[in-house]
Amino acid sequence: MFSDFIGWIFAVLVVDPLQAQIVEQVERARLPMEIARQSQACLASQSPQLIERAAGDYGWAAATVVNIAIGRTGPAELLDNQDPQCAALLRVLGGAGEDA
């Protein structure tokens, strides 16, 4: 029960804003549809894993929420770089940070 609550809080504070930020960056960059589809597939596979990890590791969840709130952790850092569906998205997010 408590882990479900932590997972829900994590989804509201981290996963949902992460998804919105990534969708915004993909749209702003006017990426090809294939990259946009891969980005959606990446988010669909990674979001449940992030929520499950938060529900099982409260310390990681709390630290991640704080680090995102203060800007210490970026969206690319939460995604699994071994997931082939995330490769294009991680390249885009990495490039977006270099242009700033």
PDB file of N, CA and C in Angstrom:
ATOM      1  N   MET A   1       0.817  -1.182   0.000  1.00  0.00           N
ATOM      2  CA  MET A   1       0.000   0.000   0.000  1.00  0.00           C
ATOM      3  C   MET A   1       0.869   1.257   0.000  1.00  0.00           C
ATOM      4  N   PHE A   2       1.824   1.324   0.915  1.00  0.00           N
ATOM      5  CA  PHE A   2       2.681   2.495   0.990  1.00  0.00           C
ATOM      6  C   PHE A   2       3.544   2.624  -0.265  1.00  0.00           C
ATOM      7  N   SER A   3       4.016   1.498  -0.780  1.00  0.00           N
ATOM      8  CA  SER A   3       4.840   1.553  -1.983  1.00  0.00           C
ATOM      9  C   SER A   3       4.020   2.025  -3.184  1.00  0.00           C
ATOM     10  N   ASP A   4       2.728   1.682  -3.222  1.00  0.00           N
ATOM     11  CA  ASP A   4       1.857   2.181  -4.288  1.00  0.00           C
ATOM     12  C   ASP A   4       1.736   3.702  -4.204  1.00  0.00           C
ATOM     13  N   PHE A   5       1.613   4.199  -2.984  1.00  0.00           N
ATOM     14  CA  PHE A   5       1.516   5.644  -2.778  1.00  0.00           C
ATOM     15  C   PHE A   5       2.806   6.338  -3.228  1.00  0.00           C
ATOM     16  N   ILE A   6       3.946   5.782  -2.866  1.00  0.00           N
ATOM     17  CA  ILE A   6       5.233   6.348  -3.275  1.00  0.00           C
ATOM     18  C   ILE A   6       5.350   6.322  -4.792  1.00  0.00           C
ATOM     19  N   GLY A   7       4.951   5.231  -5.416  1.00  0.00           N
ATOM     20  CA  GLY A   7       4.975   5.138  -6.872  1.00  0.00           C
ATOM     21  C   GLY A   7       4.100   6.194  -7.520  1.00  0.00           C
ATOM     22  N   TRP A   8       2.926   6.423  -6.958  1.00  0.00           N
ATOM     23  CA  TRP A   8       2.014   7.434  -7.482  1.00  0.00           C
ATOM     24  C   TRP A   8       2.608   8.840  -7.341  1.00  0.00           C
ATOM     25  N   ILE A   9       3.133   9.138  -6.172  1.00  0.00           N
ATOM     26  CA  ILE A   9       3.768  10.448  -5.942  1.00  0.00           C
ATOM     27  C   ILE A   9       4.919  10.644  -6.926  1.00  0.00           C
ATOM     28  N   PHE A  10       5.735   9.622  -7.117  1.00  0.00           N
ATOM     29  CA  PHE A  10       6.863   9.705  -8.035  1.00  0.00           C
ATOM     30  C   PHE A  10       6.370   9.957  -9.458  1.00  0.00           C
ATOM     31  N   ALA A  11       5.302   9.278  -9.841  1.00  0.00           N
ATOM     32  CA  ALA A  11       4.740   9.473 -11.182  1.00  0.00           C
ATOM     33  C   ALA A  11       4.273  10.909 -11.365  1.00  0.00           C
ATOM     34  N   VAL A  12       3.614  11.461 -10.356  1.00  0.00           N
ATOM     35  CA  VAL A  12       3.099  12.829 -10.447  1.00  0.00           C
ATOM     36  C   VAL A  12       4.233  13.854 -10.449  1.00  0.00           C
ATOM     37  N   LEU A  13       5.240  13.643  -9.613  1.00  0.00           N
ATOM     38  CA  LEU A  13       6.309  14.637  -9.469  1.00  0.00           C
ATOM     39  C   LEU A  13       7.442  14.485 -10.475  1.00  0.00           C
ATOM     40  N   VAL A  14       7.644  13.283 -11.002  1.00  0.00           N
ATOM     41  CA  VAL A  14       8.799  13.054 -11.864  1.00  0.00           C
ATOM     42  C   VAL A  14       8.401  12.562 -13.255  1.00  0.00           C
ATOM     43  N   VAL A  15       7.686  11.464 -13.327  1.00  0.00           N
ATOM     44  CA  VAL A  15       7.434  10.818 -14.615  1.00  0.00           C
ATOM     45  C   VAL A  15       6.555  11.676 -15.521  1.00  0.00           C
ATOM     46  N   ASP A  16       5.452  12.189 -15.003  1.00  0.00           N
ATOM     47  CA  ASP A  16       4.562  12.999 -15.844  1.00  0.00           C
ATOM     48  C   ASP A  16       5.255  14.260 -16.367  1.00  0.00           C
ATOM     49  N   PRO A  17       5.936  15.028 -15.505  1.00  0.00           N
ATOM     50  CA  PRO A  17       6.669  16.189 -16.026  1.00  0.00           C
ATOM     51  C   PRO A  17       7.793  15.800 -16.989  1.00  0.00           C
ATOM     52  N   LEU A  18       8.435  14.659 -16.733  1.00  0.00           N
ATOM     53  CA  LEU A  18       9.483  14.171 -17.626  1.00  0.00           C
ATOM     54  C   LEU A  18       8.910  13.905 -19.011  1.00  0.00           C
ATOM     55  N   GLN A  19       7.782  13.237 -19.058  1.00  0.00           N
ATOM     56  CA  GLN A  19       7.150  12.946 -20.337  1.00  0.00           C
ATOM     57  C   GLN A  19       6.766  14.237 -21.055  1.00  0.00           C
ATOM     58  N   ALA A  20       6.206  15.184 -20.326  1.00  0.00           N
ATOM     59  CA  ALA A  20       5.805  16.454 -20.939  1.00  0.00           C
ATOM     60  C   ALA A  20       7.019  17.205 -21.480  1.00  0.00           C
ATOM     61  N   GLN A  21       8.115  17.208 -20.722  1.00  0.00           N
ATOM     62  CA  GLN A  21       9.323  17.904 -21.154  1.00  0.00           C
ATOM     63  C   GLN A  21       9.909  17.251 -22.399  1.00  0.00           C
ATOM     64  N   ILE A  22       9.929  15.952 -22.441  1.00  0.00           N
ATOM     65  CA  ILE A  22      10.493  15.252 -23.594  1.00  0.00           C
ATOM     66  C   ILE A  22       9.634  15.478 -24.830  1.00  0.00           C
ATOM     67  N   VAL A  23       8.315  15.396 -24.679  1.00  0.00           N
ATOM     68  CA  VAL A  23       7.424  15.642 -25.808  1.00  0.00           C
ATOM     69  C   VAL A  23       7.618  17.068 -26.322  1.00  0.00           C
ATOM     70  N   GLU A  24       7.748  18.015 -25.414  1.00  0.00           N
ATOM     71  CA  GLU A  24       7.971  19.417 -25.808  1.00  0.00           C
ATOM     72  C   GLU A  24       9.279  19.572 -26.580  1.00  0.00           C
ATOM     73  N   GLN A  25      10.344  18.939 -26.104  1.00  0.00           N
ATOM     74  CA  GLN A  25      11.632  19.041 -26.791  1.00  0.00           C
ATOM     75  C   GLN A  25      11.592  18.392 -28.163  1.00  0.00           C
ATOM     76  N   VAL A  26      10.897  17.268 -28.267  1.00  0.00           N
ATOM     77  CA  VAL A  26      10.778  16.583 -29.555  1.00  0.00           C
ATOM     78  C   VAL A  26      10.008  17.459 -30.539  1.00  0.00           C
ATOM     79  N   GLU A  27       8.915  18.061 -30.072  1.00  0.00           N
ATOM     80  CA  GLU A  27       8.121  18.928 -30.941  1.00  0.00           C
ATOM     81  C   GLU A  27       8.884  20.200 -31.314  1.00  0.00           C
ATOM     82  N   ARG A  28       9.563  20.788 -30.350  1.00  0.00           N
ATOM     83  CA  ARG A  28      10.310  22.029 -30.601  1.00  0.00           C
ATOM     84  C   ARG A  28      11.429  21.799 -31.614  1.00  0.00           C
ATOM     85  N   ALA A  29      12.056  20.644 -31.537  1.00  0.00           N
ATOM     86  CA  ALA A  29      13.154  20.330 -32.453  1.00  0.00           C
ATOM     87  C   ALA A  29      12.646  19.900 -33.828  1.00  0.00           C
ATOM     88  N   ARG A  30      11.341  19.692 -33.943  1.00  0.00           N
ATOM     89  CA  ARG A  30      10.722  19.254 -35.201  1.00  0.00           C
ATOM     90  C   ARG A  30      11.434  18.028 -35.771  1.00  0.00           C
ATOM     91  N   LEU A  31      11.503  17.039 -34.930  1.00  0.00           N
ATOM     92  CA  LEU A  31      12.195  15.808 -35.308  1.00  0.00           C
ATOM     93  C   LEU A  31      11.356  14.989 -36.268  1.00  0.00           C
ATOM     94  N   PRO A  32      12.006  14.140 -37.043  1.00  0.00           N
ATOM     95  CA  PRO A  32      11.272  13.242 -37.934  1.00  0.00           C
ATOM     96  C   PRO A  32      10.303  12.362 -37.143  1.00  0.00           C
ATOM     97  N   MET A  33       9.234  11.949 -37.786  1.00  0.00           N
ATOM     98  CA  MET A  33       8.207  11.137 -37.129  1.00  0.00           C
ATOM     99  C   MET A  33       8.781   9.851 -36.542  1.00  0.00           C
ATOM    100  N   GLU A  34       9.769   9.267 -37.190  1.00  0.00           N
ATOM    101  CA  GLU A  34      10.349   8.020 -36.683  1.00  0.00           C
ATOM    102  C   GLU A  34      10.978   8.241 -35.302  1.00  0.00           C
ATOM    103  N   ILE A  35      11.681   9.343 -35.133  1.00  0.00           N
ATOM    104  CA  ILE A  35      12.289   9.632 -33.832  1.00  0.00           C
ATOM    105  C   ILE A  35      11.205   9.929 -32.807  1.00  0.00           C
ATOM    106  N   ALA A  36      10.170  10.629 -33.214  1.00  0.00           N
ATOM    107  CA  ALA A  36       9.057  10.905 -32.303  1.00  0.00           C
ATOM    108  C   ALA A  36       8.396   9.601 -31.854  1.00  0.00           C
ATOM    109  N   ARG A  37       8.211   8.650 -32.769  1.00  0.00           N
ATOM    110  CA  ARG A  37       7.623   7.342 -32.413  1.00  0.00           C
ATOM    111  C   ARG A  37       8.552   6.571 -31.472  1.00  0.00           C
ATOM    112  N   GLN A  38       9.845   6.602 -31.757  1.00  0.00           N
ATOM    113  CA  GLN A  38      10.796   5.919 -30.876  1.00  0.00           C
ATOM    114  C   GLN A  38      10.784   6.554 -29.486  1.00  0.00           C
ATOM    115  N   SER A  39      10.642   7.863 -29.442  1.00  0.00           N
ATOM    116  CA  SER A  39      10.587   8.563 -28.160  1.00  0.00           C
ATOM    117  C   SER A  39       9.378   8.117 -27.353  1.00  0.00           C
ATOM    118  N   GLN A  40       8.236   7.987 -28.012  1.00  0.00           N
ATOM    119  CA  GLN A  40       7.033   7.520 -27.329  1.00  0.00           C
ATOM    120  C   GLN A  40       7.207   6.082 -26.841  1.00  0.00           C
ATOM    121  N   ALA A  41       7.832   5.239 -27.660  1.00  0.00           N
ATOM    122  CA  ALA A  41       8.080   3.850 -27.257  1.00  0.00           C
ATOM    123  C   ALA A  41       9.032   3.798 -26.068  1.00  0.00           C
ATOM    124  N   CYS A  42      10.030   4.647 -26.083  1.00  0.00           N
ATOM    125  CA  CYS A  42      10.983   4.716 -24.967  1.00  0.00           C
ATOM    126  C   CYS A  42      10.255   5.097 -23.683  1.00  0.00           C
ATOM    127  N   LEU A  43       9.453   6.148 -23.753  1.00  0.00           N
ATOM    128  CA  LEU A  43       8.718   6.591 -22.573  1.00  0.00           C
ATOM    129  C   LEU A  43       7.737   5.534 -22.082  1.00  0.00           C
ATOM    130  N   ALA A  44       7.109   4.840 -23.023  1.00  0.00           N
ATOM    131  CA  ALA A  44       6.156   3.793 -22.644  1.00  0.00           C
ATOM    132  C   ALA A  44       6.850   2.641 -21.919  1.00  0.00           C
ATOM    133  N   SER A  45       8.082   2.344 -22.302  1.00  0.00           N
ATOM    134  CA  SER A  45       8.788   1.242 -21.645  1.00  0.00           C
ATOM    135  C   SER A  45       9.493   1.687 -20.364  1.00  0.00           C
ATOM    136  N   GLN A  46       9.970   2.911 -20.322  1.00  0.00           N
ATOM    137  CA  GLN A  46      10.740   3.378 -19.173  1.00  0.00           C
ATOM    138  C   GLN A  46       9.889   3.857 -18.002  1.00  0.00           C
ATOM    139  N   SER A  47       8.751   4.469 -18.278  1.00  0.00           N
ATOM    140  CA  SER A  47       7.916   5.024 -17.200  1.00  0.00           C
ATOM    141  C   SER A  47       7.521   3.987 -16.162  1.00  0.00           C
ATOM    142  N   PRO A  48       6.972   2.836 -16.562  1.00  0.00           N
ATOM    143  CA  PRO A  48       6.619   1.834 -15.540  1.00  0.00           C
ATOM    144  C   PRO A  48       7.837   1.349 -14.755  1.00  0.00           C
ATOM    145  N   GLN A  49       8.977   1.246 -15.405  1.00  0.00           N
ATOM    146  CA  GLN A  49      10.186   0.800 -14.710  1.00  0.00           C
ATOM    147  C   GLN A  49      10.626   1.831 -13.668  1.00  0.00           C
ATOM    148  N   LEU A  50      10.537   3.118 -14.010  1.00  0.00           N
ATOM    149  CA  LEU A  50      10.906   4.170 -13.061  1.00  0.00           C
ATOM    150  C   LEU A  50       9.961   4.174 -11.858  1.00  0.00           C
ATOM    151  N   ILE A  51       8.671   4.020 -12.131  1.00  0.00           N
ATOM    152  CA  ILE A  51       7.691   4.008 -11.045  1.00  0.00           C
ATOM    153  C   ILE A  51       7.897   2.781 -10.155  1.00  0.00           C
ATOM    154  N   GLU A  52       8.165   1.639 -10.760  1.00  0.00           N
ATOM    155  CA  GLU A  52       8.417   0.422  -9.982  1.00  0.00           C
ATOM    156  C   GLU A  52       9.667   0.575  -9.118  1.00  0.00           C
ATOM    157  N   ARG A  53      10.701   1.182  -9.681  1.00  0.00           N
ATOM    158  CA  ARG A  53      11.929   1.390  -8.902  1.00  0.00           C
ATOM    159  C   ARG A  53      11.671   2.328  -7.729  1.00  0.00           C
ATOM    160  N   ALA A  54      10.910   3.391  -7.983  1.00  0.00           N
ATOM    161  CA  ALA A  54      10.596   4.341  -6.913  1.00  0.00           C
ATOM    162  C   ALA A  54       9.792   3.677  -5.804  1.00  0.00           C
ATOM    163  N   ALA A  55       8.851   2.811  -6.186  1.00  0.00           N
ATOM    164  CA  ALA A  55       8.020   2.129  -5.197  1.00  0.00           C
ATOM    165  C   ALA A  55       8.830   1.144  -4.358  1.00  0.00           C
ATOM    166  N   GLY A  56       9.912   0.642  -4.914  1.00  0.00           N
ATOM    167  CA  GLY A  56      10.734  -0.326  -4.190  1.00  0.00           C
ATOM    168  C   GLY A  56      11.945   0.262  -3.501  1.00  0.00           C
ATOM    169  N   ASP A  57      12.310   1.479  -3.850  1.00  0.00           N
ATOM    170  CA  ASP A  57      13.509   2.110  -3.288  1.00  0.00           C
ATOM    171  C   ASP A  57      13.186   3.562  -2.936  1.00  0.00           C
ATOM    172  N   TYR A  58      12.673   3.751  -1.735  1.00  0.00           N
ATOM    173  CA  TYR A  58      12.212   5.076  -1.320  1.00  0.00           C
ATOM    174  C   TYR A  58      13.341   6.104  -1.290  1.00  0.00           C
ATOM    175  N   GLY A  59      14.518   5.677  -0.920  1.00  0.00           N
ATOM    176  CA  GLY A  59      15.662   6.589  -0.881  1.00  0.00           C
ATOM    177  C   GLY A  59      15.992   7.116  -2.267  1.00  0.00           C
ATOM    178  N   TRP A  60      16.023   6.213  -3.240  1.00  0.00           N
ATOM    179  CA  TRP A  60      16.288   6.633  -4.619  1.00  0.00           C
ATOM    180  C   TRP A  60      15.197   7.577  -5.106  1.00  0.00           C
ATOM    181  N   ALA A  61      13.946   7.251  -4.784  1.00  0.00           N
ATOM    182  CA  ALA A  61      12.820   8.088  -5.215  1.00  0.00           C
ATOM    183  C   ALA A  61      12.941   9.491  -4.639  1.00  0.00           C
ATOM    184  N   ALA A  62      13.208   9.593  -3.358  1.00  0.00           N
ATOM    185  CA  ALA A  62      13.322  10.905  -2.712  1.00  0.00           C
ATOM    186  C   ALA A  62      14.499  11.696  -3.281  1.00  0.00           C
ATOM    187  N   ALA A  63      15.640  11.036  -3.432  1.00  0.00           N
ATOM    188  CA  ALA A  63      16.815  11.715  -3.977  1.00  0.00           C
ATOM    189  C   ALA A  63      16.562  12.180  -5.409  1.00  0.00           C
ATOM    190  N   THR A  64      15.888  11.371  -6.195  1.00  0.00           N
ATOM    191  CA  THR A  64      15.597  11.728  -7.588  1.00  0.00           C
ATOM    192  C   THR A  64      14.662  12.922  -7.654  1.00  0.00           C
ATOM    193  N   VAL A  65      13.618  12.939  -6.819  1.00  0.00           N
ATOM    194  CA  VAL A  65      12.689  14.073  -6.797  1.00  0.00           C
ATOM    195  C   VAL A  65      13.432  15.358  -6.449  1.00  0.00           C
ATOM    196  N   VAL A  66      14.271  15.296  -5.437  1.00  0.00           N
ATOM    197  CA  VAL A  66      15.029  16.488  -5.024  1.00  0.00           C
ATOM    198  C   VAL A  66      15.992  16.916  -6.127  1.00  0.00           C
ATOM    199  N   ASN A  67      16.730  15.974  -6.697  1.00  0.00           N
ATOM    200  CA  ASN A  67      17.701  16.320  -7.741  1.00  0.00           C
ATOM    201  C   ASN A  67      17.040  16.899  -8.984  1.00  0.00           C
ATOM    202  N   ILE A  68      15.873  16.433  -9.325  1.00  0.00           N
ATOM    203  CA  ILE A  68      15.156  17.002 -10.463  1.00  0.00           C
ATOM    204  C   ILE A  68      14.645  18.390 -10.112  1.00  0.00           C
ATOM    205  N   ALA A  69      14.138  18.552  -8.901  1.00  0.00           N
ATOM    206  CA  ALA A  69      13.601  19.847  -8.473  1.00  0.00           C
ATOM    207  C   ALA A  69      14.668  20.938  -8.483  1.00  0.00           C
ATOM    208  N   ILE A  70      15.896  20.585  -8.139  1.00  0.00           N
ATOM    209  CA  ILE A  70      16.957  21.599  -8.113  1.00  0.00           C
ATOM    210  C   ILE A  70      17.742  21.655  -9.422  1.00  0.00           C
ATOM    211  N   GLY A  71      17.359  20.823 -10.381  1.00  0.00           N
ATOM    212  CA  GLY A  71      18.004  20.847 -11.688  1.00  0.00           C
ATOM    213  C   GLY A  71      19.306  20.081 -11.777  1.00  0.00           C
ATOM    214  N   ARG A  72      19.577  19.282 -10.806  1.00  0.00           N
ATOM    215  CA  ARG A  72      20.823  18.511 -10.786  1.00  0.00           C
ATOM    216  C   ARG A  72      20.761  17.285 -11.688  1.00  0.00           C
ATOM    217  N   THR A  73      19.554  16.739 -11.874  1.00  0.00           N
ATOM    218  CA  THR A  73      19.341  15.573 -12.719  1.00  0.00           C
ATOM    219  C   THR A  73      18.479  15.972 -13.897  1.00  0.00           C
ATOM    220  N   GLY A  74      18.913  15.590 -15.087  1.00  0.00           N
ATOM    221  CA  GLY A  74      18.150  15.871 -16.299  1.00  0.00           C
ATOM    222  C   GLY A  74      17.383  14.658 -16.756  1.00  0.00           C
ATOM    223  N   PRO A  75      16.469  14.842 -17.689  1.00  0.00           N
ATOM    224  CA  PRO A  75      15.642  13.734 -18.142  1.00  0.00           C
ATOM    225  C   PRO A  75      16.434  12.576 -18.729  1.00  0.00           C
ATOM    226  N   ALA A  76      17.482  12.872 -19.456  1.00  0.00           N
ATOM    227  CA  ALA A  76      18.268  11.813 -20.095  1.00  0.00           C
ATOM    228  C   ALA A  76      18.894  10.888 -19.061  1.00  0.00           C
ATOM    229  N   GLU A  77      19.165  11.401 -17.886  1.00  0.00           N
ATOM    230  CA  GLU A  77      19.805  10.596 -16.853  1.00  0.00           C
ATOM    231  C   GLU A  77      18.871   9.540 -16.259  1.00  0.00           C
ATOM    232  N   LEU A  78      17.565   9.716 -16.413  1.00  0.00           N
ATOM    233  CA  LEU A  78      16.615   8.748 -15.870  1.00  0.00           C
ATOM    234  C   LEU A  78      16.314   7.614 -16.841  1.00  0.00           C
ATOM    235  N   LEU A  79      16.632   7.815 -18.105  1.00  0.00           N
ATOM    236  CA  LEU A  79      16.321   6.815 -19.122  1.00  0.00           C
ATOM    237  C   LEU A  79      17.445   5.799 -19.233  1.00  0.00           C
ATOM    238  N   ASP A  80      17.082   4.573 -19.540  1.00  0.00           N
ATOM    239  CA  ASP A  80      18.041   3.481 -19.673  1.00  0.00           C
ATOM    240  C   ASP A  80      18.770   3.601 -21.008  1.00  0.00           C
ATOM    241  N   ASN A  81      20.054   3.914 -20.964  1.00  0.00           N
ATOM    242  CA  ASN A  81      20.806   4.079 -22.214  1.00  0.00           C
ATOM    243  C   ASN A  81      21.068   2.750 -22.921  1.00  0.00           C
ATOM    244  N   GLN A  82      20.716   1.637 -22.294  1.00  0.00           N
ATOM    245  CA  GLN A  82      20.845   0.328 -22.933  1.00  0.00           C
ATOM    246  C   GLN A  82      19.585  -0.060 -23.714  1.00  0.00           C
ATOM    247  N   ASP A  83      18.508   0.708 -23.540  1.00  0.00           N
ATOM    248  CA  ASP A  83      17.250   0.437 -24.234  1.00  0.00           C
ATOM    249  C   ASP A  83      17.349   0.980 -25.659  1.00  0.00           C
ATOM    250  N   PRO A  84      17.293   0.104 -26.675  1.00  0.00           N
ATOM    251  CA  PRO A  84      17.448   0.573 -28.055  1.00  0.00           C
ATOM    252  C   PRO A  84      16.352   1.550 -28.482  1.00  0.00           C
ATOM    253  N   GLN A  85      15.183   1.482 -27.857  1.00  0.00           N
ATOM    254  CA  GLN A  85      14.114   2.420 -28.187  1.00  0.00           C
ATOM    255  C   GLN A  85      14.437   3.839 -27.727  1.00  0.00           C
ATOM    256  N   CYS A  86      15.364   3.967 -26.801  1.00  0.00           N
ATOM    257  CA  CYS A  86      15.694   5.277 -26.242  1.00  0.00           C
ATOM    258  C   CYS A  86      16.911   5.924 -26.901  1.00  0.00           C
ATOM    259  N   ALA A  87      17.588   5.220 -27.780  1.00  0.00           N
ATOM    260  CA  ALA A  87      18.833   5.723 -28.365  1.00  0.00           C
ATOM    261  C   ALA A  87      18.647   7.069 -29.059  1.00  0.00           C
ATOM    262  N   ALA A  88      17.653   7.190 -29.923  1.00  0.00           N
ATOM    263  CA  ALA A  88      17.438   8.447 -30.652  1.00  0.00           C
ATOM    264  C   ALA A  88      17.055   9.566 -29.695  1.00  0.00           C
ATOM    265  N   LEU A  89      16.207   9.269 -28.732  1.00  0.00           N
ATOM    266  CA  LEU A  89      15.786  10.275 -27.765  1.00  0.00           C
ATOM    267  C   LEU A  89      16.961  10.762 -26.925  1.00  0.00           C
ATOM    268  N   LEU A  90      17.813   9.848 -26.505  1.00  0.00           N
ATOM    269  CA  LEU A  90      18.974  10.237 -25.712  1.00  0.00           C
ATOM    270  C   LEU A  90      19.936  11.103 -26.509  1.00  0.00           C
ATOM    271  N   ARG A  91      20.065  10.822 -27.806  1.00  0.00           N
ATOM    272  CA  ARG A  91      20.908  11.682 -28.659  1.00  0.00           C
ATOM    273  C   ARG A  91      20.322  13.094 -28.729  1.00  0.00           C
ATOM    274  N   VAL A  92      19.001  13.176 -28.900  1.00  0.00           N
ATOM    275  CA  VAL A  92      18.333  14.477 -28.971  1.00  0.00           C
ATOM    276  C   VAL A  92      18.474  15.238 -27.658  1.00  0.00           C
ATOM    277  N   LEU A  93      18.228  14.556 -26.550  1.00  0.00           N
ATOM    278  CA  LEU A  93      18.319  15.221 -25.250  1.00  0.00           C
ATOM    279  C   LEU A  93      19.749  15.635 -24.945  1.00  0.00           C
ATOM    280  N   GLY A  94      20.707  14.809 -25.332  1.00  0.00           N
ATOM    281  CA  GLY A  94      22.111  15.171 -25.123  1.00  0.00           C
ATOM    282  C   GLY A  94      22.502  16.370 -25.960  1.00  0.00           C
ATOM    283  N   GLY A  95      22.043  16.419 -27.187  1.00  0.00           N
ATOM    284  CA  GLY A  95      22.323  17.551 -28.074  1.00  0.00           C
ATOM    285  C   GLY A  95      21.648  18.814 -27.613  1.00  0.00           C
ATOM    286  N   ALA A  96      20.448  18.694 -27.050  1.00  0.00           N
ATOM    287  CA  ALA A  96      19.720  19.879 -26.587  1.00  0.00           C
ATOM    288  C   ALA A  96      20.466  20.532 -25.442  1.00  0.00           C
ATOM    289  N   GLY A  97      21.083  19.713 -24.588  1.00  0.00           N
ATOM    290  CA  GLY A  97      21.825  20.280 -23.473  1.00  0.00           C
ATOM    291  C   GLY A  97      23.107  20.971 -23.926  1.00  0.00           C
ATOM    292  N   GLU A  98      23.696  20.493 -25.022  1.00  0.00           N
ATOM    293  CA  GLU A  98      24.936  21.097 -25.497  1.00  0.00           C
ATOM    294  C   GLU A  98      24.702  22.444 -26.149  1.00  0.00           C
ATOM    295  N   ASP A  99      23.492  22.659 -26.730  1.00  0.00           N
ATOM    296  CA  ASP A  99      23.192  23.909 -27.385  1.00  0.00           C
ATOM    297  C   ASP A  99      22.891  25.016 -26.408  1.00  0.00           C
ATOM    298  N   ALA A 100      22.562  24.706 -25.194  1.00  0.00           N
ATOM    299  CA  ALA A 100      22.165  25.714 -24.211  1.00  0.00           C
ATOM    300  C   ALA A 100      23.346  26.493 -23.693  1.00  0.00           C
TER     301      ALA A 100
END
